[in-house]
Amino acid sequence: MHFIFLLNAQSQTDIVIKSFDGQPLKDVSVYSNNKLVGKTADDGKFYSSINDTKSITLIKVGYEELVVDSKDFTSEIYLYEIGVKPLKAVQLVQGDPIKTLQKLIEGTKSQNLYSYSKSKSIRNELISDNDTLHYLNNKLFYVIDKGLHIEDRGNIIKNFSSQVIEDVVSNVYELEGTHFELSNKFTQRSVNISWLQPLVELNSTTKEYEFFFSKEGEKLSMTFEPKKNSKKMLYKGHIIYDINDYGIYEIEFESVGTKNYNTYIKAEKETKTSFENYDEYLFLANVKSTTGHYQLLGSEYRILSKIISGDLKNRILKFELSETPINSVLVKTGVPFDLATYDFE
């Protein structure tokens, strides 16, 4: 775990939380004595009192969790972004993208290669212009024999209903009096962001891409980008993986171009509506433990879509999901939670 403190502290409550590039970080959760005491403001400052505490824990999705002992309180505290350092080597090597992707997919499906924490800080938000369709920013964890729990009832907005449509339970949203469903890209209800589908899509369209391989030690990097003559919505990015077991250290997909799809709006009458997806992004970083298992450092996913037909034409949908493993949760205040419906049991 990395951290930097600047000396010449003023008072315990005059603390600014920043990223390593010097930018103030807002919405950093501050815990004292296993209790959430507040979050940082837009300027990165934390205004609540944290006197009479032995330490504070700072948590923000996308950054390493940090525990600061009271004797180390300073006026500025820096959090490190989660991620794997890029390969330094410029040694280009030969590689087979099809064989590589097949092995990466096999490893992803394996129950033995990846071991993820069951306690996570998750931020899940879907908005359309100024309307929030759903929002979750909380800690989730599992209790033995009792299932998934959420740390508290705060930071949750649910503007959808669960309905049975064609014998299937679906989450139905409403905008301007129109009820509609969305694809799974916008309504992900998993505790883990999945990178399997992007790998499968890349594997099925390898002819559309240029691939480049480089090597450093026991790590290989496969970089990919669409061929210049491609007119499809494809991706550019990279995958850093272990040369021996093909475990993934880092994966990044960023969309190039747009992709249209159709869905049926569920209202008084069924109306076919078209969407145009763009700006889709996936990032995930793992670390390999001494036992050989890959553990999550952090991940994020986002996608933007424009409705291009129907009553909601020109509406923009923005979906963002990010997650960070955590070490501490308030089990005593936790309540059973259904992630699929955002309901408390």
Protein backbone atom coordinates (compact mmCIF):
# COMPACT_ATOMS: atom_id res chain seq x y z
CA MET A 1 0.00 0.00 0.00
CA HIS A 2 1.38 3.40 -1.00
CA PHE A 3 0.86 6.78 0.59
CA ILE A 4 2.52 10.20 0.87
CA PHE A 5 2.10 12.78 3.64
CA LEU A 6 3.14 16.42 3.55
CA LEU A 7 4.38 17.69 6.88
CA ASN A 8 3.56 20.95 8.72
CA ALA A 9 0.07 19.81 9.65
CA GLN A 10 -2.27 22.44 11.06
CA SER A 11 -5.10 20.73 12.93
CA GLN A 12 -6.63 17.31 12.87
CA THR A 13 -9.72 18.53 11.05
CA ASP A 14 -7.90 20.66 8.46
CA ILE A 15 -7.08 17.83 6.06
CA VAL A 16 -7.14 17.80 2.25
CA ILE A 17 -7.26 14.50 0.38
CA LYS A 18 -5.62 14.56 -3.05
CA SER A 19 -4.70 12.25 -5.88
CA PHE A 20 -1.02 11.78 -6.64
CA ASP A 21 -1.22 14.37 -9.44
CA GLY A 22 -2.26 16.99 -6.90
CA GLN A 23 -5.99 17.14 -7.71
CA PRO A 24 -8.41 17.32 -4.74
CA LEU A 25 -10.55 14.20 -4.32
CA LYS A 26 -14.20 14.59 -3.41
CA ASP A 27 -16.47 11.90 -1.93
CA VAL A 28 -13.64 10.13 -0.10
CA SER A 29 -15.27 8.17 2.73
CA VAL A 30 -13.60 8.80 6.10
CA TYR A 31 -13.99 6.17 8.82
CA SER A 32 -13.02 6.62 12.46
CA ASN A 33 -13.28 3.82 15.02
CA ASN A 34 -15.10 1.69 12.41
CA LYS A 35 -17.74 4.39 11.92
CA LEU A 36 -18.33 6.53 8.85
CA VAL A 37 -17.83 10.12 10.02
CA GLY A 38 -18.18 11.88 6.69
CA LYS A 39 -16.89 12.47 3.16
CA THR A 40 -14.63 15.03 1.58
CA ALA A 41 -16.14 18.03 -0.22
CA ASP A 42 -15.50 19.18 -3.81
CA ASP A 43 -12.24 20.82 -2.71
CA GLY A 44 -11.01 17.59 -1.14
CA LYS A 45 -11.36 18.92 2.40
CA PHE A 46 -12.76 16.95 5.27
CA TYR A 47 -14.65 19.18 7.69
CA SER A 48 -16.01 16.80 10.35
CA SER A 49 -14.23 16.33 13.66
CA ILE A 50 -11.90 13.37 13.97
CA ASN A 51 -10.53 14.10 17.41
CA ASP A 52 -9.98 11.31 19.94
CA THR A 53 -9.30 8.63 17.36
CA LYS A 54 -6.33 6.34 16.95
CA SER A 55 -6.58 6.22 13.17
CA ILE A 56 -8.78 6.99 10.17
CA THR A 57 -9.50 4.86 7.12
CA LEU A 58 -9.87 6.55 3.72
CA ILE A 59 -11.84 4.80 0.99
CA LYS A 60 -12.61 5.93 -2.54
CA VAL A 61 -13.52 3.75 -5.48
CA GLY A 62 -10.60 3.55 -7.90
CA TYR A 63 -7.96 4.32 -5.24
CA GLU A 64 -6.05 2.21 -2.74
CA GLU A 65 -7.63 2.04 0.71
CA LEU A 66 -5.48 3.87 3.23
CA VAL A 67 -5.29 3.67 7.03
CA VAL A 68 -3.63 6.70 8.66
CA ASP A 69 -2.46 6.58 12.27
CA SER A 70 -3.33 9.68 14.32
CA LYS A 71 0.33 10.50 14.88
CA ASP A 72 0.72 10.77 11.09
CA PHE A 73 -2.16 13.23 10.50
CA THR A 74 -0.94 15.97 8.18
CA SER A 75 -2.53 18.80 6.23
CA GLU A 76 -2.47 16.87 2.94
CA ILE A 77 -2.89 13.15 2.34
CA TYR A 78 -2.38 11.56 -1.07
CA LEU A 79 -4.20 8.47 -2.35
CA TYR A 80 -2.78 6.29 -5.10
CA GLU A 81 -4.90 5.30 -8.07
CA ILE A 82 -5.32 1.59 -8.54
CA GLY A 83 -3.52 0.09 -11.51
CA VAL A 84 -0.60 -1.94 -12.71
CA LYS A 85 2.47 -0.05 -13.85
CA PRO A 86 2.93 -0.30 -17.64
CA LEU A 87 5.55 -2.67 -18.91
CA LYS A 88 8.86 -0.83 -19.23
CA ALA A 89 10.39 -3.18 -21.77
CA VAL A 90 10.23 -2.34 -25.46
CA GLN A 91 11.10 -5.87 -26.45
CA LEU A 92 8.61 -6.84 -29.15
CA VAL A 93 7.84 -10.55 -29.41
CA GLN A 94 5.80 -12.80 -31.66
CA GLY A 95 2.37 -13.76 -30.42
CA ASP A 96 -0.72 -15.65 -31.50
CA PRO A 97 -3.80 -13.54 -30.61
CA ILE A 98 -6.30 -16.37 -31.13
CA LYS A 99 -4.38 -18.82 -28.95
CA THR A 100 -3.76 -16.13 -26.35
CA LEU A 101 -7.40 -15.08 -26.14
CA GLN A 102 -8.58 -18.67 -25.87
CA LYS A 103 -6.23 -19.28 -22.94
CA LEU A 104 -7.26 -16.00 -21.28
CA ILE A 105 -10.92 -17.00 -21.64
CA GLU A 106 -10.25 -20.46 -20.21
CA GLY A 107 -8.45 -18.89 -17.26
CA THR A 108 -11.29 -16.43 -16.67
CA LYS A 109 -13.77 -19.28 -16.48
CA SER A 110 -11.54 -21.18 -14.06
CA GLN A 111 -12.63 -21.33 -10.43
CA ASN A 112 -9.06 -21.68 -9.22
CA LEU A 113 -7.14 -18.82 -10.86
CA TYR A 114 -8.98 -15.80 -9.44
CA SER A 115 -9.85 -15.24 -5.78
CA TYR A 116 -11.83 -12.05 -5.14
CA SER A 117 -12.73 -10.39 -1.86
CA LYS A 118 -16.36 -10.68 -0.81
CA SER A 119 -16.24 -7.17 0.69
CA LYS A 120 -16.25 -4.27 -1.73
CA SER A 121 -16.95 -0.59 -2.07
CA ILE A 122 -19.23 -0.23 -5.10
CA ARG A 123 -20.50 2.79 -7.03
CA ASN A 124 -23.26 2.05 -9.56
CA GLU A 125 -25.03 4.95 -11.29
CA LEU A 126 -27.39 5.30 -14.26
CA ILE A 127 -28.51 8.79 -15.27
CA SER A 128 -30.34 10.34 -18.22
CA ASP A 129 -29.66 14.04 -18.57
CA ASN A 130 -30.64 15.32 -15.09
CA ASP A 131 -32.68 12.27 -14.08
CA THR A 132 -31.13 9.61 -11.84
CA LEU A 133 -32.50 6.19 -12.75
CA HIS A 134 -30.55 4.32 -10.12
CA TYR A 135 -27.65 5.08 -7.78
CA LEU A 136 -25.69 3.00 -5.29
CA ASN A 137 -22.53 4.10 -3.46
CA ASN A 138 -21.97 1.80 -0.54
CA LYS A 139 -20.07 -1.14 0.94
CA LEU A 140 -21.33 -4.63 0.15
CA PHE A 141 -20.25 -7.83 1.87
CA TYR A 142 -21.36 -11.40 2.45
CA VAL A 143 -22.37 -12.85 5.80
CA ILE A 144 -21.95 -16.60 6.19
CA ASP A 145 -25.31 -18.39 5.80
CA LYS A 146 -27.08 -15.02 5.47
CA GLY A 147 -26.08 -13.84 2.01
CA LEU A 148 -25.31 -10.38 0.65
CA HIS A 149 -25.47 -7.38 3.01
CA ILE A 150 -25.05 -3.65 2.58
CA GLU A 151 -23.34 -1.55 5.22
CA ASP A 152 -26.13 0.99 5.64
CA ARG A 153 -29.32 2.23 3.98
CA GLY A 154 -27.81 5.47 2.72
CA ASN A 155 -26.52 6.49 -0.72
CA ILE A 156 -29.15 4.48 -2.62
CA ILE A 157 -31.62 5.76 -5.23
CA LYS A 158 -34.06 3.38 -6.89
CA ASN A 159 -36.18 4.71 -9.74
CA PHE A 160 -37.14 1.41 -11.31
CA SER A 161 -39.60 -1.37 -10.51
CA SER A 162 -39.27 -5.12 -10.85
CA GLN A 163 -41.98 -6.52 -13.12
CA VAL A 164 -42.70 -9.89 -14.68
CA ILE A 165 -42.56 -9.51 -18.46
CA GLU A 166 -43.02 -12.60 -20.61
CA ASP A 167 -42.41 -14.82 -17.55
CA VAL A 168 -39.12 -13.08 -16.81
CA VAL A 169 -38.49 -10.64 -13.93
CA SER A 170 -37.23 -7.37 -15.47
CA ASN A 171 -36.26 -3.99 -14.05
CA VAL A 172 -38.42 -1.35 -15.70
CA TYR A 173 -37.45 2.33 -15.71
CA GLU A 174 -39.64 5.36 -16.36
CA LEU A 175 -38.86 8.64 -18.15
CA GLU A 176 -41.41 11.23 -19.19
CA GLY A 177 -44.22 8.74 -18.63
CA THR A 178 -42.58 6.08 -20.79
CA HIS A 179 -41.69 2.74 -19.23
CA PHE A 180 -38.79 0.80 -20.69
CA GLU A 181 -36.19 -1.90 -20.18
CA LEU A 182 -32.49 -1.65 -20.96
CA SER A 183 -29.79 -4.11 -21.98
CA ASN A 184 -27.53 -5.61 -19.32
CA LYS A 185 -24.79 -3.15 -20.26
CA PHE A 186 -26.79 -0.47 -18.41
CA THR A 187 -28.26 -2.48 -15.54
CA GLN A 188 -25.38 -4.61 -14.30
CA ARG A 189 -26.24 -5.98 -10.88
CA SER A 190 -23.15 -8.11 -10.29
CA VAL A 191 -20.76 -7.71 -7.39
CA ASN A 192 -17.94 -8.29 -9.89
CA ILE A 193 -17.42 -6.43 -13.15
CA SER A 194 -17.05 -9.14 -15.78
CA TRP A 195 -14.32 -8.95 -18.41
CA LEU A 196 -15.27 -12.30 -19.99
CA GLN A 197 -17.65 -10.89 -22.61
CA PRO A 198 -15.14 -8.35 -24.02
CA LEU A 199 -12.60 -11.17 -24.38
CA VAL A 200 -15.16 -13.32 -26.18
CA GLU A 201 -16.10 -10.45 -28.51
CA LEU A 202 -12.45 -9.73 -29.26
CA ASN A 203 -11.80 -13.42 -29.92
CA SER A 204 -14.68 -13.60 -32.40
CA THR A 205 -13.50 -10.55 -34.38
CA THR A 206 -9.71 -10.96 -34.44
CA LYS A 207 -9.65 -10.37 -38.22
CA GLU A 208 -10.79 -6.80 -37.57
CA TYR A 209 -7.74 -5.99 -35.40
CA GLU A 210 -4.01 -5.39 -35.41
CA PHE A 211 -2.20 -7.05 -32.48
CA PHE A 212 1.19 -6.26 -30.95
CA PHE A 213 3.02 -8.24 -28.24
CA SER A 214 5.76 -7.13 -25.83
CA LYS A 215 7.44 -8.87 -22.92
CA GLU A 216 8.96 -7.98 -19.56
CA GLY A 217 10.06 -10.77 -17.26
CA GLU A 218 7.14 -13.13 -16.64
CA LYS A 219 4.59 -10.69 -18.06
CA LEU A 220 3.32 -10.31 -21.61
CA SER A 221 1.36 -7.38 -22.98
CA MET A 222 -1.01 -7.75 -25.92
CA THR A 223 -2.03 -4.41 -27.41
CA PHE A 224 -4.84 -4.26 -29.97
CA GLU A 225 -6.49 -1.67 -32.18
CA PRO A 226 -8.98 -1.81 -35.08
CA LYS A 227 -7.71 -1.99 -38.63
CA LYS A 228 -8.06 1.31 -40.43
CA ASN A 229 -10.67 0.08 -42.89
CA SER A 230 -13.05 -1.24 -40.22
CA LYS A 231 -16.44 0.48 -39.95
CA LYS A 232 -17.72 -1.46 -36.94
CA MET A 233 -17.81 -0.44 -33.28
CA LEU A 234 -14.66 -2.14 -32.04
CA TYR A 235 -12.16 -1.57 -29.24
CA LYS A 236 -8.61 -0.48 -28.63
CA GLY A 237 -6.67 -1.36 -25.52
CA HIS A 238 -4.29 -3.82 -23.94
CA ILE A 239 -4.11 -6.91 -21.77
CA ILE A 240 -1.17 -7.63 -19.45
CA TYR A 241 -1.03 -11.29 -18.44
CA ASP A 242 1.20 -13.91 -16.89
CA ILE A 243 3.35 -15.82 -19.36
CA ASN A 244 2.88 -19.12 -17.47
CA ASP A 245 -0.72 -19.36 -16.24
CA TYR A 246 -2.30 -16.61 -18.41
CA GLY A 247 -3.72 -14.87 -15.38
CA ILE A 248 -4.67 -11.26 -16.09
CA TYR A 249 -2.86 -8.43 -14.32
CA GLU A 250 -4.54 -5.62 -16.21
CA ILE A 251 -7.13 -5.26 -18.94
CA GLU A 252 -8.38 -2.14 -20.71
CA PHE A 253 -10.99 -1.83 -23.48
CA GLU A 254 -12.02 1.50 -25.01
CA SER A 255 -14.60 1.67 -27.78
CA VAL A 256 -13.88 3.07 -31.22
CA GLY A 257 -16.90 4.10 -33.28
CA THR A 258 -20.59 3.59 -32.46
CA LYS A 259 -23.01 0.68 -32.41
CA ASN A 260 -26.78 0.72 -32.85
CA TYR A 261 -29.22 -1.71 -31.30
CA ASN A 262 -32.99 -1.94 -30.96
CA THR A 263 -35.15 -2.66 -27.96
CA TYR A 264 -38.84 -2.61 -27.22
CA ILE A 265 -40.17 0.13 -24.95
CA LYS A 266 -42.72 -1.31 -22.54
CA ALA A 267 -45.63 1.13 -22.25
CA GLU A 268 -49.34 1.10 -23.05
CA LYS A 269 -48.24 0.15 -26.53
CA GLU A 270 -45.05 -1.62 -27.51
CA THR A 271 -42.77 0.77 -29.40
CA LYS A 272 -39.51 -0.19 -31.08
CA THR A 273 -36.76 2.20 -30.04
CA SER A 274 -33.20 2.48 -31.35
CA PHE A 275 -30.10 3.28 -29.30
CA GLU A 276 -26.63 4.34 -30.38
CA ASN A 277 -23.87 3.19 -28.04
CA TYR A 278 -20.58 5.04 -27.81
CA ASP A 279 -17.78 5.77 -25.32
CA GLU A 280 -17.74 2.30 -23.77
CA TYR A 281 -14.81 1.72 -21.41
CA LEU A 282 -13.63 -1.15 -19.22
CA PHE A 283 -10.62 -1.24 -16.91
CA LEU A 284 -9.57 -3.86 -14.39
CA ALA A 285 -6.40 -4.47 -12.39
CA ASN A 286 -5.39 -7.56 -10.42
CA VAL A 287 -2.42 -8.47 -8.26
CA LYS A 288 -0.98 -11.98 -7.97
CA SER A 289 -0.79 -13.24 -4.40
CA THR A 290 1.88 -15.50 -2.91
CA THR A 291 -0.57 -18.41 -3.30
CA GLY A 292 -0.73 -17.86 -7.05
CA HIS A 293 -4.28 -16.49 -7.04
CA TYR A 294 -5.17 -13.20 -8.72
CA GLN A 295 -6.92 -10.71 -6.44
CA LEU A 296 -8.78 -7.60 -7.52
CA LEU A 297 -7.19 -4.18 -7.03
CA GLY A 298 -10.03 -2.30 -8.67
CA SER A 299 -12.21 -2.07 -11.76
CA GLU A 300 -14.49 0.35 -13.58
CA TYR A 301 -16.92 0.31 -16.47
CA ARG A 302 -18.86 3.03 -18.27
CA ILE A 303 -20.99 3.41 -21.37
CA LEU A 304 -22.88 6.26 -23.01
CA SER A 305 -25.87 5.77 -25.29
CA LYS A 306 -28.11 8.10 -27.26
CA ILE A 307 -31.75 7.23 -27.98
CA ILE A 308 -32.18 7.92 -31.69
CA SER A 309 -35.88 7.09 -32.18
CA GLY A 310 -39.16 6.92 -30.29
CA ASP A 311 -40.70 9.20 -27.67
CA LEU A 312 -37.39 9.59 -25.83
CA LYS A 313 -35.39 10.55 -28.92
CA ASN A 314 -32.12 12.43 -28.21
CA ARG A 315 -32.08 11.37 -24.55
CA ILE A 316 -28.56 10.46 -23.34
CA LEU A 317 -28.05 7.52 -21.00
CA LYS A 318 -24.87 7.36 -18.94
CA PHE A 319 -23.97 4.28 -16.92
CA GLU A 320 -20.95 4.04 -14.58
CA LEU A 321 -19.89 1.16 -12.35
CA SER A 322 -16.74 0.87 -10.26
CA GLU A 323 -15.58 -1.33 -7.43
CA THR A 324 -12.70 -1.56 -4.96
CA PRO A 325 -12.06 -4.37 -2.45
CA ILE A 326 -12.07 -3.28 1.18
CA ASN A 327 -10.73 -4.69 4.41
CA SER A 328 -13.22 -3.30 6.93
CA VAL A 329 -17.02 -3.24 7.04
CA LEU A 330 -19.58 -2.39 9.72
CA VAL A 331 -21.14 -5.82 10.07
CA LYS A 332 -23.29 -4.73 13.02
CA THR A 333 -25.11 -2.07 11.00
CA GLY A 334 -25.31 -4.15 7.81
CA VAL A 335 -28.68 -5.18 6.44
CA PRO A 336 -29.61 -7.91 3.92
CA PHE A 337 -29.73 -6.47 0.42
CA ASP A 338 -30.94 -7.69 -2.97
CA LEU A 339 -28.52 -6.27 -5.55
CA ALA A 340 -30.79 -7.23 -8.44
CA THR A 341 -33.75 -5.17 -7.21
CA TYR A 342 -32.14 -2.70 -4.75
CA ASP A 343 -34.56 -3.95 -2.08
CA PHE A 344 -33.85 -4.51 1.62
CA GLU A 345 -35.03 -7.78 3.05
